[in-house]
Every structure is written in structure tokens, then in C-alpha cells.
PDB file of N, CA and C in Angstrom:
ATOM      1  N   MET A   1      14.300   7.288  -2.151  1.00  0.00           N
ATOM      2  CA  MET A   1      14.562   5.718  -2.557  1.00  0.00           C
ATOM      3  C   MET A   1      14.552   5.573  -4.167  1.00  0.00           C
ATOM      4  N   LYS A   2      15.611   4.137  -4.199  1.00  0.00           N
ATOM      5  CA  LYS A   2      16.035   4.053  -5.724  1.00  0.00           C
ATOM      6  C   LYS A   2      14.643   2.966  -5.989  1.00  0.00           C
ATOM      7  N   GLN A   3      14.147   3.058  -7.701  1.00  0.00           N
ATOM      8  CA  GLN A   3      13.628   2.250  -8.007  1.00  0.00           C
ATOM      9  C   GLN A   3      13.876   0.989  -8.013  1.00  0.00           C
ATOM     10  N   GLU A   4      15.144   0.588  -8.218  1.00  0.00           N
ATOM     11  CA  GLU A   4      15.469  -0.752  -7.361  1.00  0.00           C
ATOM     12  C   GLU A   4      14.754  -1.198  -6.193  1.00  0.00           C
ATOM     13  N   CYS A   5      14.579  -0.358  -5.323  1.00  0.00           N
ATOM     14  CA  CYS A   5      14.191  -1.290  -3.967  1.00  0.00           C
ATOM     15  C   CYS A   5      13.046  -1.140  -4.181  1.00  0.00           C
ATOM     16  N   VAL A   6      12.222  -0.764  -4.849  1.00  0.00           N
ATOM     17  CA  VAL A   6      10.711  -0.419  -4.921  1.00  0.00           C
ATOM     18  C   VAL A   6      10.321  -1.946  -5.546  1.00  0.00           C
ATOM     19  N   ASN A   7      11.200  -2.321  -6.751  1.00  0.00           N
ATOM     20  CA  ASN A   7      10.672  -3.638  -7.487  1.00  0.00           C
ATOM     21  C   ASN A   7      10.312  -4.816  -6.449  1.00  0.00           C
ATOM     22  N   PRO A   8      11.490  -4.831  -5.406  1.00  0.00           N
ATOM     23  CA  PRO A   8      11.216  -6.276  -4.621  1.00  0.00           C
ATOM     24  C   PRO A   8      10.341  -6.364  -3.623  1.00  0.00           C
ATOM     25  N   PHE A   9       9.840  -5.368  -3.633  1.00  0.00           N
ATOM     26  CA  PHE A   9       9.033  -4.791  -2.135  1.00  0.00           C
ATOM     27  C   PHE A   9       7.417  -5.246  -2.892  1.00  0.00           C
ATOM     28  N   LEU A  10       7.283  -5.394  -4.139  1.00  0.00           N
ATOM     29  CA  LEU A  10       5.902  -5.822  -4.952  1.00  0.00           C
ATOM     30  C   LEU A  10       5.396  -6.653  -4.634  1.00  0.00           C
ATOM     31  N   ALA A  11       6.118  -7.894  -4.881  1.00  0.00           N
ATOM     32  CA  ALA A  11       5.787  -9.489  -4.767  1.00  0.00           C
ATOM     33  C   ALA A  11       5.122  -9.594  -3.197  1.00  0.00           C
ATOM     34  N   PRO A  12       5.834  -9.327  -2.103  1.00  0.00           N
ATOM     35  CA  PRO A  12       5.928  -9.641  -0.971  1.00  0.00           C
ATOM     36  C   PRO A  12       4.304  -8.731  -0.791  1.00  0.00           C
ATOM     37  N   ALA A  13       4.407  -7.651  -0.980  1.00  0.00           N
ATOM     38  CA  ALA A  13       2.847  -6.669  -0.869  1.00  0.00           C
ATOM     39  C   ALA A  13       1.622  -7.167  -1.008  1.00  0.00           C
ATOM     40  N   LYS A  14       1.607  -7.832  -2.703  1.00  0.00           N
ATOM     41  CA  LYS A  14       0.863  -8.361  -3.298  1.00  0.00           C
ATOM     42  C   LYS A  14       0.331  -9.505  -2.674  1.00  0.00           C
ATOM     43  N   LEU A  15       1.003 -10.503  -1.910  1.00  0.00           N
ATOM     44  CA  LEU A  15       1.033 -11.753  -1.384  1.00  0.00           C
ATOM     45  C   LEU A  15       0.426 -11.144   0.313  1.00  0.00           C
ATOM     46  N   VAL A  16       0.540  -9.793   1.025  1.00  0.00           N
ATOM     47  CA  VAL A  16       0.325  -9.846   2.007  1.00  0.00           C
ATOM     48  C   VAL A  16      -0.999  -9.180   1.694  1.00  0.00           C
ATOM     49  N   TRP A  17      -1.130  -8.576   0.929  1.00  0.00           N
ATOM     50  CA  TRP A  17      -2.616  -8.009   0.494  1.00  0.00           C
ATOM     51  C   TRP A  17      -3.872  -9.024   0.114  1.00  0.00           C
ATOM     52  N   GLU A  18      -3.459  -9.503  -0.723  1.00  0.00           N
ATOM     53  CA  GLU A  18      -4.550 -10.830  -1.138  1.00  0.00           C
ATOM     54  C   GLU A  18      -4.835 -12.119  -0.177  1.00  0.00           C
ATOM     55  N   ARG A  19      -3.860 -12.325   0.747  1.00  0.00           N
ATOM     56  CA  ARG A  19      -3.992 -13.049   2.052  1.00  0.00           C
ATOM     57  C   ARG A  19      -4.402 -12.666   3.105  1.00  0.00           C
ATOM     58  N   GLU A  20      -4.146 -11.297   3.006  1.00  0.00           N
ATOM     59  CA  GLU A  20      -5.238 -10.980   4.474  1.00  0.00           C
ATOM     60  C   GLU A  20      -6.819 -10.068   3.969  1.00  0.00           C
ATOM     61  N   LEU A  21      -6.951  -9.279   2.699  1.00  0.00           N
ATOM     62  CA  LEU A  21      -8.065  -8.882   2.599  1.00  0.00           C
ATOM     63  C   LEU A  21      -8.581 -10.291   1.395  1.00  0.00           C
ATOM     64  N   GLY A  22      -8.353 -11.224   1.067  1.00  0.00           N
ATOM     65  CA  GLY A  22      -8.810 -12.038   0.216  1.00  0.00           C
ATOM     66  C   GLY A  22      -8.974 -11.329  -0.865  1.00  0.00           C
ATOM     67  N   LEU A  23      -8.818 -10.794  -1.334  1.00  0.00           N
ATOM     68  CA  LEU A  23      -9.060  -9.552  -2.227  1.00  0.00           C
ATOM     69  C   LEU A  23      -7.741  -9.689  -3.630  1.00  0.00           C
ATOM     70  N   PRO A  24      -8.109  -9.922  -5.095  1.00  0.00           N
ATOM     71  CA  PRO A  24      -6.570  -9.394  -5.895  1.00  0.00           C
ATOM     72  C   PRO A  24      -6.529  -8.093  -5.767  1.00  0.00           C
ATOM     73  N   LEU A  25      -4.783  -7.896  -5.971  1.00  0.00           N
ATOM     74  CA  LEU A  25      -4.528  -6.530  -5.795  1.00  0.00           C
ATOM     75  C   LEU A  25      -4.141  -5.945  -7.162  1.00  0.00           C
ATOM     76  N   GLU A  26      -4.911  -5.270  -7.746  1.00  0.00           N
ATOM     77  CA  GLU A  26      -3.930  -4.715  -9.129  1.00  0.00           C
ATOM     78  C   GLU A  26      -3.049  -3.286  -8.998  1.00  0.00           C
ATOM     79  N   LEU A  27      -1.845  -3.163  -9.123  1.00  0.00           N
ATOM     80  CA  LEU A  27      -1.279  -1.976  -9.127  1.00  0.00           C
ATOM     81  C   LEU A  27      -1.071  -1.583 -10.410  1.00  0.00           C
ATOM     82  N   SER A  28      -1.720   0.062  -9.738  1.00  0.00           N
ATOM     83  CA  SER A  28      -1.943   0.513 -11.433  1.00  0.00           C
ATOM     84  C   SER A  28      -0.900   1.512 -11.417  1.00  0.00           C
ATOM     85  N   SER A  29      -0.482   2.435 -10.319  1.00  0.00           N
ATOM     86  CA  SER A  29       1.427   3.057 -10.597  1.00  0.00           C
ATOM     87  C   SER A  29       2.123   2.661  -9.087  1.00  0.00           C
ATOM     88  N   VAL A  30       3.672   1.929  -9.398  1.00  0.00           N
ATOM     89  CA  VAL A  30       4.851   1.882  -9.052  1.00  0.00           C
ATOM     90  C   VAL A  30       5.815   2.857  -9.004  1.00  0.00           C
ATOM     91  N   PHE A  31       5.975   3.867  -8.315  1.00  0.00           N
ATOM     92  CA  PHE A  31       7.629   3.889  -8.352  1.00  0.00           C
ATOM     93  C   PHE A  31       8.006   4.831  -6.900  1.00  0.00           C
ATOM     94  N   ALA A  32       9.161   5.128  -7.722  1.00  0.00           N
ATOM     95  CA  ALA A  32       9.940   5.503  -6.003  1.00  0.00           C
ATOM     96  C   ALA A  32       9.478   7.236  -5.852  1.00  0.00           C
ATOM     97  N   VAL A  33       9.490   7.632  -5.043  1.00  0.00           N
ATOM     98  CA  VAL A  33       9.149   9.147  -4.939  1.00  0.00           C
ATOM     99  C   VAL A  33       9.341   9.910  -4.062  1.00  0.00           C
ATOM    100  N   SER A  34      10.277  11.061  -3.416  1.00  0.00           N
ATOM    101  CA  SER A  34      10.405  12.013  -2.829  1.00  0.00           C
ATOM    102  C   SER A  34       9.912  12.911  -1.864  1.00  0.00           C
ATOM    103  N   HIS A  35       8.273  12.584  -1.632  1.00  0.00           N
ATOM    104  CA  HIS A  35       7.355  12.975  -0.926  1.00  0.00           C
ATOM    105  C   HIS A  35       6.664  11.741   0.014  1.00  0.00           C
ATOM    106  N   LYS A  36       5.571  12.745   0.457  1.00  0.00           N
ATOM    107  CA  LYS A  36       5.015  11.492   1.663  1.00  0.00           C
ATOM    108  C   LYS A  36       3.665  11.963   1.816  1.00  0.00           C
ATOM    109  N   PHE A  37       3.127  12.005   0.384  1.00  0.00           N
ATOM    110  CA  PHE A  37       1.436  11.735   0.048  1.00  0.00           C
ATOM    111  C   PHE A  37       1.295  10.914  -1.224  1.00  0.00           C
ATOM    112  N   THR A  38       0.340  11.364  -1.571  1.00  0.00           N
ATOM    113  CA  THR A  38      -0.011  10.665  -2.677  1.00  0.00           C
ATOM    114  C   THR A  38      -1.158  11.620  -3.481  1.00  0.00           C
ATOM    115  N   ILE A  39      -1.590  11.442  -4.559  1.00  0.00           N
ATOM    116  CA  ILE A  39      -2.774  11.920  -5.033  1.00  0.00           C
ATOM    117  C   ILE A  39      -4.003  11.365  -4.696  1.00  0.00           C
ATOM    118  N   GLU A  40      -4.075  10.550  -4.206  1.00  0.00           N
ATOM    119  CA  GLU A  40      -5.362   9.517  -4.349  1.00  0.00           C
ATOM    120  C   GLU A  40      -6.286  10.238  -2.683  1.00  0.00           C
ATOM    121  N   ASP A  41      -7.362   9.864  -2.281  1.00  0.00           N
ATOM    122  CA  ASP A  41      -8.337  10.376  -1.518  1.00  0.00           C
ATOM    123  C   ASP A  41      -7.468   9.796  -0.200  1.00  0.00           C
ATOM    124  N   ILE A  42      -6.967   8.561  -0.115  1.00  0.00           N
ATOM    125  CA  ILE A  42      -6.499   8.069   1.299  1.00  0.00           C
ATOM    126  C   ILE A  42      -4.910   7.574   1.243  1.00  0.00           C
ATOM    127  N   THR A  43      -4.034   7.885   1.973  1.00  0.00           N
ATOM    128  CA  THR A  43      -2.341   7.717   1.817  1.00  0.00           C
ATOM    129  C   THR A  43      -2.230   7.187   2.949  1.00  0.00           C
ATOM    130  N   ALA A  44      -2.001   5.809   3.345  1.00  0.00           N
ATOM    131  CA  ALA A  44      -1.864   4.948   4.088  1.00  0.00           C
ATOM    132  C   ALA A  44       0.218   4.884   3.968  1.00  0.00           C
ATOM    133  N   VAL A  45       0.474   5.159   5.618  1.00  0.00           N
ATOM    134  CA  VAL A  45       2.001   5.327   5.329  1.00  0.00           C
ATOM    135  C   VAL A  45       2.733   4.078   6.670  1.00  0.00           C
ATOM    136  N   ILE A  46       3.539   2.978   5.796  1.00  0.00           N
ATOM    137  CA  ILE A  46       4.015   2.473   6.616  1.00  0.00           C
ATOM    138  C   ILE A  46       5.820   2.610   6.499  1.00  0.00           C
ATOM    139  N   GLY A  47       6.427   2.874   7.663  1.00  0.00           N
ATOM    140  CA  GLY A  47       7.665   3.251   7.923  1.00  0.00           C
ATOM    141  C   GLY A  47       8.795   1.849   7.830  1.00  0.00           C
ATOM    142  N   VAL A  48       9.495   1.860   7.106  1.00  0.00           N
ATOM    143  CA  VAL A  48      10.471   0.764   7.348  1.00  0.00           C
ATOM    144  C   VAL A  48      11.741   0.955   7.494  1.00  0.00           C
ATOM    145  N   SER A  49      12.393   0.206   8.666  1.00  0.00           N
ATOM    146  CA  SER A  49      13.585   0.967   8.974  1.00  0.00           C
ATOM    147  C   SER A  49      14.490  -0.583   9.565  1.00  0.00           C
ATOM    148  N   GLY A  50      15.922  -0.497   9.205  1.00  0.00           N
ATOM    149  CA  GLY A  50      16.557  -1.657   9.204  1.00  0.00           C
ATOM    150  C   GLY A  50      18.259  -1.162   8.154  1.00  0.00           C
ATOM    151  N   GLU A  51      18.346  -2.323   7.350  1.00  0.00           N
ATOM    152  CA  GLU A  51      19.612  -1.928   6.595  1.00  0.00           C
ATOM    153  C   GLU A  51      19.244  -0.632   6.017  1.00  0.00           C
ATOM    154  N   LEU A  52      17.502  -0.270   5.418  1.00  0.00           N
ATOM    155  CA  LEU A  52      17.106   0.458   4.431  1.00  0.00           C
ATOM    156  C   LEU A  52      16.490   1.403   5.661  1.00  0.00           C
ATOM    157  N   VAL A  53      16.058   2.455   5.703  1.00  0.00           N
ATOM    158  CA  VAL A  53      15.332   3.487   5.936  1.00  0.00           C
ATOM    159  C   VAL A  53      14.083   4.327   5.382  1.00  0.00           C
ATOM    160  N   TYR A  54      13.006   3.925   5.071  1.00  0.00           N
ATOM    161  CA  TYR A  54      12.009   4.606   4.181  1.00  0.00           C
ATOM    162  C   TYR A  54      10.339   4.222   4.325  1.00  0.00           C
ATOM    163  N   ASN A  55       9.492   4.881   4.186  1.00  0.00           N
ATOM    164  CA  ASN A  55       8.225   4.540   4.084  1.00  0.00           C
ATOM    165  C   ASN A  55       8.045   3.970   2.629  1.00  0.00           C
ATOM    166  N   ILE A  56       6.657   3.728   2.982  1.00  0.00           N
ATOM    167  CA  ILE A  56       5.850   2.932   1.686  1.00  0.00           C
ATOM    168  C   ILE A  56       4.581   3.222   1.822  1.00  0.00           C
ATOM    169  N   LEU A  57       4.186   4.202   0.488  1.00  0.00           N
ATOM    170  CA  LEU A  57       2.806   4.819   0.935  1.00  0.00           C
ATOM    171  C   LEU A  57       1.976   3.912  -0.372  1.00  0.00           C
ATOM    172  N   TYR A  58       0.973   3.875   0.514  1.00  0.00           N
ATOM    173  CA  TYR A  58      -0.312   3.313  -0.366  1.00  0.00           C
ATOM    174  C   TYR A  58      -1.700   4.515  -0.879  1.00  0.00           C
ATOM    175  N   GLY A  59      -1.767   4.642  -2.086  1.00  0.00           N
ATOM    176  CA  GLY A  59      -3.120   5.134  -2.036  1.00  0.00           C
ATOM    177  C   GLY A  59      -3.840   4.875  -2.887  1.00  0.00           C
ATOM    178  N   PHE A  60      -4.940   5.034  -1.912  1.00  0.00           N
ATOM    179  CA  PHE A  60      -6.765   4.911  -2.180  1.00  0.00           C
ATOM    180  C   PHE A  60      -7.103   5.296  -2.918  1.00  0.00           C
ATOM    181  N   PRO A  61      -8.037   5.318  -3.468  1.00  0.00           N
ATOM    182  CA  PRO A  61      -9.507   6.179  -3.797  1.00  0.00           C
ATOM    183  C   PRO A  61     -10.582   5.822  -2.237  1.00  0.00           C
ATOM    184  N   GLN A  62     -11.434   6.784  -2.405  1.00  0.00           N
ATOM    185  CA  GLN A  62     -12.253   6.262  -0.602  1.00  0.00           C
ATOM    186  C   GLN A  62     -13.329   5.167  -0.653  1.00  0.00           C
ATOM    187  N   ILE A  63     -13.519   4.886  -2.029  1.00  0.00           N
ATOM    188  CA  ILE A  63     -14.735   3.648  -2.035  1.00  0.00           C
ATOM    189  C   ILE A  63     -13.674   2.431  -1.712  1.00  0.00           C
ATOM    190  N   THR A  64     -12.593   2.295  -1.888  1.00  0.00           N
ATOM    191  CA  THR A  64     -11.562   1.505  -2.040  1.00  0.00           C
ATOM    192  C   THR A  64     -10.439   1.446  -0.764  1.00  0.00           C
ATOM    193  N   ALA A  65     -10.821   2.662   0.216  1.00  0.00           N
ATOM    194  CA  ALA A  65     -10.292   2.735   1.606  1.00  0.00           C
ATOM    195  C   ALA A  65     -11.336   2.013   2.375  1.00  0.00           C
ATOM    196  N   ARG A  66     -12.555   2.455   2.035  1.00  0.00           N
ATOM    197  CA  ARG A  66     -14.017   1.821   2.818  1.00  0.00           C
ATOM    198  C   ARG A  66     -13.949   0.292   2.878  1.00  0.00           C
ATOM    199  N   GLY A  67     -13.783   0.306   1.883  1.00  0.00           N
ATOM    200  CA  GLY A  67     -13.715  -1.486   1.906  1.00  0.00           C
ATOM    201  C   GLY A  67     -12.974  -2.337   2.419  1.00  0.00           C
ATOM    202  N   ILE A  68     -11.816  -1.399   2.494  1.00  0.00           N
ATOM    203  CA  ILE A  68     -10.328  -2.296   3.188  1.00  0.00           C
ATOM    204  C   ILE A  68     -11.138  -2.722   4.471  1.00  0.00           C
ATOM    205  N   ILE A  69     -11.285  -1.373   5.148  1.00  0.00           N
ATOM    206  CA  ILE A  69     -11.600  -1.340   6.398  1.00  0.00           C
ATOM    207  C   ILE A  69     -12.668  -2.039   7.003  1.00  0.00           C
ATOM    208  N   ASP A  70     -14.010  -2.256   6.005  1.00  0.00           N
ATOM    209  CA  ASP A  70     -15.015  -3.386   6.308  1.00  0.00           C
ATOM    210  C   ASP A  70     -14.592  -4.353   6.588  1.00  0.00           C
ATOM    211  N   ILE A  71     -13.911  -4.625   5.694  1.00  0.00           N
ATOM    212  CA  ILE A  71     -13.022  -5.936   5.851  1.00  0.00           C
ATOM    213  C   ILE A  71     -11.929  -6.714   6.721  1.00  0.00           C
ATOM    214  N   MET A  72     -11.619  -5.442   7.015  1.00  0.00           N
ATOM    215  CA  MET A  72     -10.962  -5.309   8.309  1.00  0.00           C
ATOM    216  C   MET A  72     -11.070  -5.316   9.960  1.00  0.00           C
ATOM    217  N   ALA A  73     -12.499  -4.662   9.920  1.00  0.00           N
ATOM    218  CA  ALA A  73     -13.240  -4.931  10.940  1.00  0.00           C
ATOM    219  C   ALA A  73     -14.295  -5.604  11.069  1.00  0.00           C
ATOM    220  N   GLY A  74     -14.322  -6.250   9.865  1.00  0.00           N
ATOM    221  CA  GLY A  74     -15.658  -7.366  10.085  1.00  0.00           C
ATOM    222  C   GLY A  74     -16.950  -6.529  10.295  1.00  0.00           C
ATOM    223  N   THR A  75     -17.072  -5.540   9.664  1.00  0.00           N
ATOM    224  CA  THR A  75     -18.763  -5.178   9.665  1.00  0.00           C
ATOM    225  C   THR A  75     -18.455  -3.848   8.659  1.00  0.00           C
ATOM    226  N   ASP A  76     -19.896  -3.598   8.270  1.00  0.00           N
ATOM    227  CA  ASP A  76     -20.114  -1.911   7.631  1.00  0.00           C
ATOM    228  C   ASP A  76     -19.744  -1.109   8.245  1.00  0.00           C
ATOM    229  N   PHE A  77     -18.597  -0.006   7.707  1.00  0.00           N
ATOM    230  CA  PHE A  77     -17.889   0.852   8.397  1.00  0.00           C
ATOM    231  C   PHE A  77     -18.875   2.363   7.480  1.00  0.00           C
TER     232      PHE A  77
END
């Protein structure tokens, strides 16, 4: 994926994150890659298809991933 395809995705992703989780999102690094992993403890992959076909990777430290699960499940994981 080209970098110019990444940037338009950021504002909507941030909006969804903040609405669904009720938490602010701070982007630490955003860039186009050719691999399907991150260097974080947990990597979530979302596939997108349509005019463009690609995967979006979200990498989180374990503590952040557990916090997301707690919020989404409505309980302590």
C-alpha cells in the first residue's frame, strides 16, 4: 500500500476508536508496510476490499489490548 492511501484512513479510524471505546487515540507511528505483523505484543488485522484491497494492522502493547477487551466486553478480562 502506498503512503498516500494510509493518511485518508487515519481520521475515520481515530473517530471510530474514540466513539466506540470512549478513549482518546494517540497515534505513535503510522506508515505503509509490506508485511502482516507489528513489533507490538498484539496485532489486530482488518481486511479491506473494494476498489483497493489491503490489510490494516493495529499494534498494541498487551496492557492496551487488555483494556480494549475490558471495554468491549464490559467486564475485566
